[in-house]
Amino acid sequence: MSCDTAPTEMDAAIDLATETVNSVDGVDTKETGAWFWDYGESSMEIRLEYHVDDLDRWKEVRSTVNHEIQRAFWDAGYEMAFPTRTVRVEQDGENSVVAGQGGAEGD
């Protein structure tokens, strides 16, 4: 999630991720968990864990889970964070923004 995500929005995103994973065929709903896990360099990270009922289908289930979470977050309007870096160059004693790469606001 982007670094400007509000606490209530983070809670809602975690709930949505859990609900979405539990709706996927092949996921053991008793073994699902999602948490606000860490602050990344350019993001706030959600950790999602789930078990697959049939290990022969793990790739299919994983792909479906990832697609469904992407769709659910898109529909909810959640922004995914992109790595961002701002470069400042001092010139003649004045600081000026020279370049920045797109993505989430922040450093």
PDB file of N, CA and C in Angstrom:
ATOM      1  N   MET A   1       0.855  -1.163   0.000  1.00  0.00           N
ATOM      2  CA  MET A   1       0.000   0.000   0.000  1.00  0.00           C
ATOM      3  C   MET A   1       0.901   1.226   0.000  1.00  0.00           C
ATOM      4  N   SER A   2       0.378   2.331  -0.521  1.00  0.00           N
ATOM      5  CA  SER A   2       1.186   3.543  -0.568  1.00  0.00           C
ATOM      6  C   SER A   2       1.374   4.093   0.847  1.00  0.00           C
ATOM      7  N   CYS A   3       2.416   4.875   1.023  1.00  0.00           N
ATOM      8  CA  CYS A   3       2.782   5.383   2.348  1.00  0.00           C
ATOM      9  C   CYS A   3       1.769   6.369   2.915  1.00  0.00           C
ATOM     10  N   ASP A   4       0.869   6.885   2.089  1.00  0.00           N
ATOM     11  CA  ASP A   4      -0.137   7.814   2.593  1.00  0.00           C
ATOM     12  C   ASP A   4      -1.474   7.124   2.885  1.00  0.00           C
ATOM     13  N   THR A   5      -1.444   5.805   3.026  1.00  0.00           N
ATOM     14  CA  THR A   5      -2.648   5.040   3.346  1.00  0.00           C
ATOM     15  C   THR A   5      -3.068   5.325   4.785  1.00  0.00           C
ATOM     16  N   ALA A   6      -4.322   5.690   4.973  1.00  0.00           N
ATOM     17  CA  ALA A   6      -4.851   5.963   6.310  1.00  0.00           C
ATOM     18  C   ALA A   6      -4.996   4.654   7.091  1.00  0.00           C
ATOM     19  N   PRO A   7      -4.909   4.709   8.425  1.00  0.00           N
ATOM     20  CA  PRO A   7      -5.050   3.490   9.229  1.00  0.00           C
ATOM     21  C   PRO A   7      -6.357   2.739   8.970  1.00  0.00           C
ATOM     22  N   THR A   8      -7.459   3.455   8.826  1.00  0.00           N
ATOM     23  CA  THR A   8      -8.732   2.780   8.567  1.00  0.00           C
ATOM     24  C   THR A   8      -8.736   2.111   7.196  1.00  0.00           C
ATOM     25  N   GLU A   9      -8.067   2.746   6.232  1.00  0.00           N
ATOM     26  CA  GLU A   9      -7.973   2.161   4.894  1.00  0.00           C
ATOM     27  C   GLU A   9      -7.097   0.905   4.915  1.00  0.00           C
ATOM     28  N   MET A  10      -6.025   0.920   5.708  1.00  0.00           N
ATOM     29  CA  MET A  10      -5.172  -0.262   5.838  1.00  0.00           C
ATOM     30  C   MET A  10      -5.966  -1.414   6.453  1.00  0.00           C
ATOM     31  N   ASP A  11      -6.732  -1.128   7.505  1.00  0.00           N
ATOM     32  CA  ASP A  11      -7.563  -2.162   8.127  1.00  0.00           C
ATOM     33  C   ASP A  11      -8.552  -2.745   7.121  1.00  0.00           C
ATOM     34  N   ALA A  12      -9.184  -1.880   6.337  1.00  0.00           N
ATOM     35  CA  ALA A  12     -10.148  -2.334   5.334  1.00  0.00           C
ATOM     36  C   ALA A  12      -9.462  -3.164   4.256  1.00  0.00           C
ATOM     37  N   ALA A  13      -8.253  -2.776   3.856  1.00  0.00           N
ATOM     38  CA  ALA A  13      -7.509  -3.525   2.837  1.00  0.00           C
ATOM     39  C   ALA A  13      -7.141  -4.914   3.345  1.00  0.00           C
ATOM     40  N   ILE A  14      -6.745  -5.008   4.600  1.00  0.00           N
ATOM     41  CA  ILE A  14      -6.414  -6.311   5.192  1.00  0.00           C
ATOM     42  C   ILE A  14      -7.655  -7.198   5.221  1.00  0.00           C
ATOM     43  N   ASP A  15      -8.786  -6.633   5.637  1.00  0.00           N
ATOM     44  CA  ASP A  15     -10.038  -7.402   5.643  1.00  0.00           C
ATOM     45  C   ASP A  15     -10.419  -7.843   4.238  1.00  0.00           C
ATOM     46  N   LEU A  16     -10.279  -6.943   3.265  1.00  0.00           N
ATOM     47  CA  LEU A  16     -10.614  -7.272   1.880  1.00  0.00           C
ATOM     48  C   LEU A  16      -9.704  -8.375   1.348  1.00  0.00           C
ATOM     49  N   ALA A  17      -8.417  -8.309   1.654  1.00  0.00           N
ATOM     50  CA  ALA A  17      -7.479  -9.346   1.211  1.00  0.00           C
ATOM     51  C   ALA A  17      -7.873 -10.700   1.794  1.00  0.00           C
ATOM     52  N   THR A  18      -8.216 -10.728   3.071  1.00  0.00           N
ATOM     53  CA  THR A  18      -8.615 -11.980   3.722  1.00  0.00           C
ATOM     54  C   THR A  18      -9.889 -12.537   3.093  1.00  0.00           C
ATOM     55  N   GLU A  19     -10.895 -11.690   2.920  1.00  0.00           N
ATOM     56  CA  GLU A  19     -12.154 -12.127   2.306  1.00  0.00           C
ATOM     57  C   GLU A  19     -11.924 -12.635   0.885  1.00  0.00           C
ATOM     58  N   THR A  20     -11.092 -11.932   0.147  1.00  0.00           N
ATOM     59  CA  THR A  20     -10.830 -12.296  -1.242  1.00  0.00           C
ATOM     60  C   THR A  20     -10.139 -13.646  -1.325  1.00  0.00           C
ATOM     61  N   VAL A  21      -9.111 -13.847  -0.517  1.00  0.00           N
ATOM     62  CA  VAL A  21      -8.399 -15.130  -0.517  1.00  0.00           C
ATOM     63  C   VAL A  21      -9.347 -16.258  -0.140  1.00  0.00           C
ATOM     64  N   ASN A  22     -10.167 -16.032   0.870  1.00  0.00           N
ATOM     65  CA  ASN A  22     -11.084 -17.082   1.317  1.00  0.00           C
ATOM     66  C   ASN A  22     -12.156 -17.417   0.287  1.00  0.00           C
ATOM     67  N   SER A  23     -12.361 -16.549  -0.700  1.00  0.00           N
ATOM     68  CA  SER A  23     -13.370 -16.814  -1.734  1.00  0.00           C
ATOM     69  C   SER A  23     -12.814 -17.639  -2.898  1.00  0.00           C
ATOM     70  N   VAL A  24     -11.503 -17.872  -2.909  1.00  0.00           N
ATOM     71  CA  VAL A  24     -10.872 -18.593  -4.018  1.00  0.00           C
ATOM     72  C   VAL A  24     -10.985 -20.095  -3.795  1.00  0.00           C
ATOM     73  N   ASP A  25     -11.465 -20.789  -4.820  1.00  0.00           N
ATOM     74  CA  ASP A  25     -11.565 -22.244  -4.770  1.00  0.00           C
ATOM     75  C   ASP A  25     -10.173 -22.849  -4.616  1.00  0.00           C
ATOM     76  N   GLY A  26     -10.024 -23.723  -3.630  1.00  0.00           N
ATOM     77  CA  GLY A  26      -8.743 -24.380  -3.412  1.00  0.00           C
ATOM     78  C   GLY A  26      -7.972 -23.840  -2.229  1.00  0.00           C
ATOM     79  N   VAL A  27      -8.485 -22.774  -1.585  1.00  0.00           N
ATOM     80  CA  VAL A  27      -7.834 -22.212  -0.404  1.00  0.00           C
ATOM     81  C   VAL A  27      -8.498 -22.783   0.846  1.00  0.00           C
ATOM     82  N   ASP A  28      -7.675 -23.238   1.797  1.00  0.00           N
ATOM     83  CA  ASP A  28      -8.164 -23.722   3.085  1.00  0.00           C
ATOM     84  C   ASP A  28      -8.462 -22.499   3.951  1.00  0.00           C
ATOM     85  N   THR A  29      -9.734 -22.165   4.108  1.00  0.00           N
ATOM     86  CA  THR A  29     -10.125 -20.926   4.782  1.00  0.00           C
ATOM     87  C   THR A  29      -9.793 -20.922   6.274  1.00  0.00           C
ATOM     88  N   LYS A  30      -9.513 -22.070   6.855  1.00  0.00           N
ATOM     89  CA  LYS A  30      -9.150 -22.124   8.275  1.00  0.00           C
ATOM     90  C   LYS A  30      -7.702 -21.697   8.501  1.00  0.00           C
ATOM     91  N   GLU A  31      -6.929 -21.609   7.434  1.00  0.00           N
ATOM     92  CA  GLU A  31      -5.495 -21.325   7.554  1.00  0.00           C
ATOM     93  C   GLU A  31      -5.098 -20.004   6.891  1.00  0.00           C
ATOM     94  N   THR A  32      -6.024 -19.046   6.818  1.00  0.00           N
ATOM     95  CA  THR A  32      -5.755 -17.772   6.154  1.00  0.00           C
ATOM     96  C   THR A  32      -5.463 -16.691   7.187  1.00  0.00           C
ATOM     97  N   GLY A  33      -4.489 -15.853   6.893  1.00  0.00           N
ATOM     98  CA  GLY A  33      -4.189 -14.723   7.766  1.00  0.00           C
ATOM     99  C   GLY A  33      -3.601 -13.572   6.973  1.00  0.00           C
ATOM    100  N   ALA A  34      -3.891 -12.348   7.411  1.00  0.00           N
ATOM    101  CA  ALA A  34      -3.325 -11.155   6.773  1.00  0.00           C
ATOM    102  C   ALA A  34      -3.021 -10.143   7.868  1.00  0.00           C
ATOM    103  N   TRP A  35      -1.879  -9.468   7.724  1.00  0.00           N
ATOM    104  CA  TRP A  35      -1.412  -8.519   8.727  1.00  0.00           C
ATOM    105  C   TRP A  35      -0.728  -7.332   8.068  1.00  0.00           C
ATOM    106  N   PHE A  36      -0.786  -6.179   8.756  1.00  0.00           N
ATOM    107  CA  PHE A  36       0.056  -5.042   8.379  1.00  0.00           C
ATOM    108  C   PHE A  36       1.439  -5.432   8.872  1.00  0.00           C
ATOM    109  N   TRP A  37       2.329  -5.744   7.939  1.00  0.00           N
ATOM    110  CA  TRP A  37       3.562  -6.437   8.275  1.00  0.00           C
ATOM    111  C   TRP A  37       4.769  -5.531   8.459  1.00  0.00           C
ATOM    112  N   ASP A  38       4.939  -4.544   7.580  1.00  0.00           N
ATOM    113  CA  ASP A  38       6.197  -3.812   7.621  1.00  0.00           C
ATOM    114  C   ASP A  38       6.073  -2.488   6.867  1.00  0.00           C
ATOM    115  N   TYR A  39       7.012  -1.604   7.155  1.00  0.00           N
ATOM    116  CA  TYR A  39       7.195  -0.388   6.378  1.00  0.00           C
ATOM    117  C   TYR A  39       8.332  -0.639   5.406  1.00  0.00           C
ATOM    118  N   GLY A  40       8.037  -0.630   4.120  1.00  0.00           N
ATOM    119  CA  GLY A  40       9.066  -0.791   3.105  1.00  0.00           C
ATOM    120  C   GLY A  40       9.680   0.558   2.770  1.00  0.00           C
ATOM    121  N   GLU A  41      10.619   0.548   1.863  1.00  0.00           N
ATOM    122  CA  GLU A  41      11.287   1.787   1.465  1.00  0.00           C
ATOM    123  C   GLU A  41      10.300   2.779   0.861  1.00  0.00           C
ATOM    124  N   SER A  42       9.325   2.275   0.110  1.00  0.00           N
ATOM    125  CA  SER A  42       8.349   3.145  -0.550  1.00  0.00           C
ATOM    126  C   SER A  42       6.921   2.659  -0.352  1.00  0.00           C
ATOM    127  N   SER A  43       6.696   1.823   0.658  1.00  0.00           N
ATOM    128  CA  SER A  43       5.362   1.248   0.808  1.00  0.00           C
ATOM    129  C   SER A  43       5.118   0.783   2.238  1.00  0.00           C
ATOM    130  N   MET A  44       3.847   0.525   2.522  1.00  0.00           N
ATOM    131  CA  MET A  44       3.455  -0.164   3.744  1.00  0.00           C
ATOM    132  C   MET A  44       2.994  -1.546   3.288  1.00  0.00           C
ATOM    133  N   GLU A  45       3.562  -2.581   3.884  1.00  0.00           N
ATOM    134  CA  GLU A  45       3.397  -3.929   3.357  1.00  0.00           C
ATOM    135  C   GLU A  45       2.381  -4.751   4.147  1.00  0.00           C
ATOM    136  N   ILE A  46       1.550  -5.459   3.399  1.00  0.00           N
ATOM    137  CA  ILE A  46       0.608  -6.415   3.971  1.00  0.00           C
ATOM    138  C   ILE A  46       1.173  -7.806   3.733  1.00  0.00           C
ATOM    139  N   ARG A  47       1.184  -8.623   4.779  1.00  0.00           N
ATOM    140  CA  ARG A  47       1.606 -10.020   4.631  1.00  0.00           C
ATOM    141  C   ARG A  47       0.342 -10.870   4.601  1.00  0.00           C
ATOM    142  N   LEU A  48       0.291 -11.765   3.642  1.00  0.00           N
ATOM    143  CA  LEU A  48      -0.866 -12.628   3.445  1.00  0.00           C
ATOM    144  C   LEU A  48      -0.392 -14.072   3.417  1.00  0.00           C
ATOM    145  N   GLU A  49      -0.989 -14.903   4.255  1.00  0.00           N
ATOM    146  CA  GLU A  49      -0.645 -16.323   4.274  1.00  0.00           C
ATOM    147  C   GLU A  49      -1.918 -17.144   4.106  1.00  0.00           C
ATOM    148  N   TYR A  50      -1.805 -18.202   3.310  1.00  0.00           N
ATOM    149  CA  TYR A  50      -2.933 -19.105   3.122  1.00  0.00           C
ATOM    150  C   TYR A  50      -2.396 -20.477   2.745  1.00  0.00           C
ATOM    151  N   HIS A  51      -3.192 -21.490   2.988  1.00  0.00           N
ATOM    152  CA  HIS A  51      -2.829 -22.853   2.621  1.00  0.00           C
ATOM    153  C   HIS A  51      -3.698 -23.293   1.451  1.00  0.00           C
ATOM    154  N   VAL A  52      -3.119 -24.099   0.588  1.00  0.00           N
ATOM    155  CA  VAL A  52      -3.821 -24.634  -0.578  1.00  0.00           C
ATOM    156  C   VAL A  52      -4.267 -26.056  -0.248  1.00  0.00           C
ATOM    157  N   ASP A  53      -5.534 -26.363  -0.555  1.00  0.00           N
ATOM    158  CA  ASP A  53      -6.079 -27.694  -0.257  1.00  0.00           C
ATOM    159  C   ASP A  53      -5.362 -28.811  -1.003  1.00  0.00           C
ATOM    160  N   ASP A  54      -5.077 -28.595  -2.271  1.00  0.00           N
ATOM    161  CA  ASP A  54      -4.484 -29.623  -3.132  1.00  0.00           C
ATOM    162  C   ASP A  54      -3.156 -29.103  -3.669  1.00  0.00           C
ATOM    163  N   LEU A  55      -2.052 -29.648  -3.181  1.00  0.00           N
ATOM    164  CA  LEU A  55      -0.733 -29.154  -3.576  1.00  0.00           C
ATOM    165  C   LEU A  55      -0.471 -29.278  -5.070  1.00  0.00           C
ATOM    166  N   ASP A  56      -1.152 -30.183  -5.749  1.00  0.00           N
ATOM    167  CA  ASP A  56      -0.986 -30.299  -7.201  1.00  0.00           C
ATOM    168  C   ASP A  56      -1.527 -29.064  -7.932  1.00  0.00           C
ATOM    169  N   ARG A  57      -2.357 -28.277  -7.258  1.00  0.00           N
ATOM    170  CA  ARG A  57      -2.958 -27.080  -7.865  1.00  0.00           C
ATOM    171  C   ARG A  57      -2.366 -25.779  -7.329  1.00  0.00           C
ATOM    172  N   TRP A  58      -1.251 -25.828  -6.608  1.00  0.00           N
ATOM    173  CA  TRP A  58      -0.777 -24.633  -5.917  1.00  0.00           C
ATOM    174  C   TRP A  58      -0.485 -23.468  -6.856  1.00  0.00           C
ATOM    175  N   LYS A  59       0.055 -23.742  -8.045  1.00  0.00           N
ATOM    176  CA  LYS A  59       0.360 -22.646  -8.978  1.00  0.00           C
ATOM    177  C   LYS A  59      -0.921 -21.978  -9.474  1.00  0.00           C
ATOM    178  N   GLU A  60      -1.893 -22.787  -9.815  1.00  0.00           N
ATOM    179  CA  GLU A  60      -3.184 -22.264 -10.279  1.00  0.00           C
ATOM    180  C   GLU A  60      -3.858 -21.432  -9.186  1.00  0.00           C
ATOM    181  N   VAL A  61      -3.875 -21.970  -7.960  1.00  0.00           N
ATOM    182  CA  VAL A  61      -4.512 -21.265  -6.847  1.00  0.00           C
ATOM    183  C   VAL A  61      -3.772 -19.963  -6.547  1.00  0.00           C
ATOM    184  N   ARG A  62      -2.454 -20.008  -6.541  1.00  0.00           N
ATOM    185  CA  ARG A  62      -1.668 -18.795  -6.283  1.00  0.00           C
ATOM    186  C   ARG A  62      -1.961 -17.715  -7.316  1.00  0.00           C
ATOM    187  N   SER A  63      -1.991 -18.099  -8.585  1.00  0.00           N
ATOM    188  CA  SER A  63      -2.281 -17.141  -9.645  1.00  0.00           C
ATOM    189  C   SER A  63      -3.678 -16.547  -9.473  1.00  0.00           C
ATOM    190  N   THR A  64      -4.645 -17.393  -9.158  1.00  0.00           N
ATOM    191  CA  THR A  64      -6.012 -16.918  -8.959  1.00  0.00           C
ATOM    192  C   THR A  64      -6.087 -15.963  -7.774  1.00  0.00           C
ATOM    193  N   VAL A  65      -5.438 -16.317  -6.673  1.00  0.00           N
ATOM    194  CA  VAL A  65      -5.411 -15.441  -5.498  1.00  0.00           C
ATOM    195  C   VAL A  65      -4.833 -14.079  -5.876  1.00  0.00           C
ATOM    196  N   ASN A  66      -3.702 -14.068  -6.559  1.00  0.00           N
ATOM    197  CA  ASN A  66      -3.065 -12.802  -6.931  1.00  0.00           C
ATOM    198  C   ASN A  66      -3.957 -11.962  -7.842  1.00  0.00           C
ATOM    199  N   HIS A  67      -4.576 -12.596  -8.830  1.00  0.00           N
ATOM    200  CA  HIS A  67      -5.475 -11.861  -9.729  1.00  0.00           C
ATOM    201  C   HIS A  67      -6.687 -11.304  -8.980  1.00  0.00           C
ATOM    202  N   GLU A  68      -7.265 -12.114  -8.109  1.00  0.00           N
ATOM    203  CA  GLU A  68      -8.460 -11.677  -7.385  1.00  0.00           C
ATOM    204  C   GLU A  68      -8.153 -10.543  -6.410  1.00  0.00           C
ATOM    205  N   ILE A  69      -6.990 -10.589  -5.767  1.00  0.00           N
ATOM    206  CA  ILE A  69      -6.603  -9.485  -4.883  1.00  0.00           C
ATOM    207  C   ILE A  69      -6.369  -8.223  -5.700  1.00  0.00           C
ATOM    208  N   GLN A  70      -5.685  -8.349  -6.826  1.00  0.00           N
ATOM    209  CA  GLN A  70      -5.462  -7.186  -7.689  1.00  0.00           C
ATOM    210  C   GLN A  70      -6.802  -6.577  -8.101  1.00  0.00           C
ATOM    211  N   ARG A  71      -7.735  -7.421  -8.514  1.00  0.00           N
ATOM    212  CA  ARG A  71      -9.050  -6.948  -8.952  1.00  0.00           C
ATOM    213  C   ARG A  71      -9.800  -6.278  -7.791  1.00  0.00           C
ATOM    214  N   ALA A  72      -9.797  -6.914  -6.629  1.00  0.00           N
ATOM    215  CA  ALA A  72     -10.518  -6.373  -5.474  1.00  0.00           C
ATOM    216  C   ALA A  72      -9.934  -5.032  -5.035  1.00  0.00           C
ATOM    217  N   PHE A  73      -8.611  -4.930  -5.003  1.00  0.00           N
ATOM    218  CA  PHE A  73      -7.970  -3.676  -4.606  1.00  0.00           C
ATOM    219  C   PHE A  73      -8.232  -2.589  -5.647  1.00  0.00           C
ATOM    220  N   TRP A  74      -8.187  -2.954  -6.913  1.00  0.00           N
ATOM    221  CA  TRP A  74      -8.472  -1.991  -7.989  1.00  0.00           C
ATOM    222  C   TRP A  74      -9.898  -1.466  -7.841  1.00  0.00           C
ATOM    223  N   ASP A  75     -10.853  -2.384  -7.671  1.00  0.00           N
ATOM    224  CA  ASP A  75     -12.258  -1.998  -7.532  1.00  0.00           C
ATOM    225  C   ASP A  75     -12.490  -1.117  -6.304  1.00  0.00           C
ATOM    226  N   ALA A  76     -11.729  -1.357  -5.232  1.00  0.00           N
ATOM    227  CA  ALA A  76     -11.871  -0.574  -3.999  1.00  0.00           C
ATOM    228  C   ALA A  76     -11.148   0.770  -4.079  1.00  0.00           C
ATOM    229  N   GLY A  77     -10.355   0.960  -5.137  1.00  0.00           N
ATOM    230  CA  GLY A  77      -9.634   2.219  -5.305  1.00  0.00           C
ATOM    231  C   GLY A  77      -8.335   2.320  -4.525  1.00  0.00           C
ATOM    232  N   TYR A  78      -7.814   1.187  -4.063  1.00  0.00           N
ATOM    233  CA  TYR A  78      -6.545   1.210  -3.328  1.00  0.00           C
ATOM    234  C   TYR A  78      -5.388   1.378  -4.293  1.00  0.00           C
ATOM    235  N   GLU A  79      -4.473   2.259  -3.928  1.00  0.00           N
ATOM    236  CA  GLU A  79      -3.282   2.475  -4.749  1.00  0.00           C
ATOM    237  C   GLU A  79      -2.174   1.548  -4.286  1.00  0.00           C
ATOM    238  N   MET A  80      -1.547   0.897  -5.238  1.00  0.00           N
ATOM    239  CA  MET A  80      -0.386   0.077  -4.934  1.00  0.00           C
ATOM    240  C   MET A  80       0.835   0.985  -5.009  1.00  0.00           C
ATOM    241  N   ALA A  81       1.749   0.802  -4.096  1.00  0.00           N
ATOM    242  CA  ALA A  81       2.940   1.650  -4.045  1.00  0.00           C
ATOM    243  C   ALA A  81       3.930   1.261  -5.131  1.00  0.00           C
ATOM    244  N   PHE A  82       4.602   2.262  -5.651  1.00  0.00           N
ATOM    245  CA  PHE A  82       5.687   2.055  -6.602  1.00  0.00           C
ATOM    246  C   PHE A  82       6.951   2.631  -5.978  1.00  0.00           C
ATOM    247  N   PRO A  83       8.088   1.996  -6.215  1.00  0.00           N
ATOM    248  CA  PRO A  83       9.338   2.579  -5.706  1.00  0.00           C
ATOM    249  C   PRO A  83       9.510   3.995  -6.253  1.00  0.00           C
ATOM    250  N   THR A  84       9.874   4.893  -5.383  1.00  0.00           N
ATOM    251  CA  THR A  84      10.020   6.290  -5.757  1.00  0.00           C
ATOM    252  C   THR A  84      11.347   6.827  -5.235  1.00  0.00           C
ATOM    253  N   ARG A  85      11.976   7.635  -6.016  1.00  0.00           N
ATOM    254  CA  ARG A  85      13.217   8.279  -5.586  1.00  0.00           C
ATOM    255  C   ARG A  85      13.219   9.697  -6.135  1.00  0.00           C
ATOM    256  N   THR A  86      13.513  10.661  -5.300  1.00  0.00           N
ATOM    257  CA  THR A  86      13.621  12.048  -5.718  1.00  0.00           C
ATOM    258  C   THR A  86      15.091  12.433  -5.685  1.00  0.00           C
ATOM    259  N   VAL A  87      15.554  13.068  -6.736  1.00  0.00           N
ATOM    260  CA  VAL A  87      16.951  13.498  -6.825  1.00  0.00           C
ATOM    261  C   VAL A  87      16.981  15.015  -6.735  1.00  0.00           C
ATOM    262  N   ARG A  88      17.786  15.541  -5.836  1.00  0.00           N
ATOM    263  CA  ARG A  88      17.945  16.990  -5.690  1.00  0.00           C
ATOM    264  C   ARG A  88      19.394  17.333  -6.000  1.00  0.00           C
ATOM    265  N   VAL A  89      19.571  18.385  -6.748  1.00  0.00           N
ATOM    266  CA  VAL A  89      20.910  18.843  -7.104  1.00  0.00           C
ATOM    267  C   VAL A  89      21.073  20.264  -6.602  1.00  0.00           C
ATOM    268  N   GLU A  90      22.148  20.500  -5.875  1.00  0.00           N
ATOM    269  CA  GLU A  90      22.418  21.848  -5.391  1.00  0.00           C
ATOM    270  C   GLU A  90      23.178  22.597  -6.469  1.00  0.00           C
ATOM    271  N   GLN A  91      22.661  23.762  -6.794  1.00  0.00           N
ATOM    272  CA  GLN A  91      23.243  24.547  -7.879  1.00  0.00           C
ATOM    273  C   GLN A  91      23.314  26.006  -7.439  1.00  0.00           C
ATOM    274  N   ASP A  92      24.480  26.586  -7.461  1.00  0.00           N
ATOM    275  CA  ASP A  92      24.676  27.982  -7.062  1.00  0.00           C
ATOM    276  C   ASP A  92      24.105  28.257  -5.673  1.00  0.00           C
ATOM    277  N   GLY A  93      24.251  27.281  -4.787  1.00  0.00           N
ATOM    278  CA  GLY A  93      23.781  27.467  -3.423  1.00  0.00           C
ATOM    279  C   GLY A  93      22.289  27.337  -3.242  1.00  0.00           C
ATOM    280  N   GLU A  94      21.539  27.011  -4.297  1.00  0.00           N
ATOM    281  CA  GLU A  94      20.089  26.856  -4.196  1.00  0.00           C
ATOM    282  C   GLU A  94      19.720  25.405  -4.438  1.00  0.00           C
ATOM    283  N   ASN A  95      18.810  24.897  -3.643  1.00  0.00           N
ATOM    284  CA  ASN A  95      18.306  23.543  -3.868  1.00  0.00           C
ATOM    285  C   ASN A  95      17.164  23.604  -4.863  1.00  0.00           C
ATOM    286  N   SER A  96      17.186  22.700  -5.815  1.00  0.00           N
ATOM    287  CA  SER A  96      16.073  22.629  -6.756  1.00  0.00           C
ATOM    288  C   SER A  96      15.830  21.176  -7.122  1.00  0.00           C
ATOM    289  N   VAL A  97      14.567  20.838  -7.290  1.00  0.00           N
ATOM    290  CA  VAL A  97      14.225  19.484  -7.694  1.00  0.00           C
ATOM    291  C   VAL A  97      14.558  19.342  -9.162  1.00  0.00           C
ATOM    292  N   VAL A  98      15.373  18.345  -9.467  1.00  0.00           N
ATOM    293  CA  VAL A  98      15.794  18.140 -10.843  1.00  0.00           C
ATOM    294  C   VAL A  98      15.041  16.988 -11.470  1.00  0.00           C
ATOM    295  N   ALA A  99      14.894  15.909 -10.747  1.00  0.00           N
ATOM    296  CA  ALA A  99      14.264  14.730 -11.339  1.00  0.00           C
ATOM    297  C   ALA A  99      13.552  13.947 -10.261  1.00  0.00           C
ATOM    298  N   GLY A 100      12.519  13.276 -10.656  1.00  0.00           N
ATOM    299  CA  GLY A 100      11.804  12.366  -9.779  1.00  0.00           C
ATOM    300  C   GLY A 100      11.183  11.284 -10.616  1.00  0.00           C
ATOM    301  N   GLN A 101      11.106  10.087 -10.076  1.00  0.00           N
ATOM    302  CA  GLN A 101      10.464   8.989 -10.785  1.00  0.00           C
ATOM    303  C   GLN A 101       9.052   8.843 -10.261  1.00  0.00           C
ATOM    304  N   GLY A 102       8.120   8.534 -11.140  1.00  0.00           N
ATOM    305  CA  GLY A 102       6.712   8.439 -10.795  1.00  0.00           C
ATOM    306  C   GLY A 102       6.429   7.366  -9.776  1.00  0.00           C
ATOM    307  N   GLY A 103       5.206   7.351  -9.303  1.00  0.00           N
ATOM    308  CA  GLY A 103       4.790   6.346  -8.341  1.00  0.00           C
ATOM    309  C   GLY A 103       4.111   7.020  -7.171  1.00  0.00           C
ATOM    310  N   ALA A 104       4.132   6.342  -6.049  1.00  0.00           N
ATOM    311  CA  ALA A 104       3.500   6.869  -4.857  1.00  0.00           C
ATOM    312  C   ALA A 104       4.272   8.082  -4.363  1.00  0.00           C
ATOM    313  N   GLU A 105       3.557   8.946  -3.660  1.00  0.00           N
ATOM    314  CA  GLU A 105       4.234  10.112  -3.104  1.00  0.00           C
ATOM    315  C   GLU A 105       5.198   9.660  -2.030  1.00  0.00           C
ATOM    316  N   GLY A 106       6.221  10.410  -1.830  1.00  0.00           N
ATOM    317  CA  GLY A 106       7.170  10.071  -0.776  1.00  0.00           C
ATOM    318  C   GLY A 106       8.548   9.906  -1.330  1.00  0.00           C
ATOM    319  N   ASP A 107       9.403   9.370  -0.506  1.00  0.00           N
ATOM    320  CA  ASP A 107      10.800   9.232  -0.867  1.00  0.00           C
ATOM    321  C   ASP A 107      11.086   7.832  -1.234  1.00  0.00           C
TER     322      ASP A 107
END
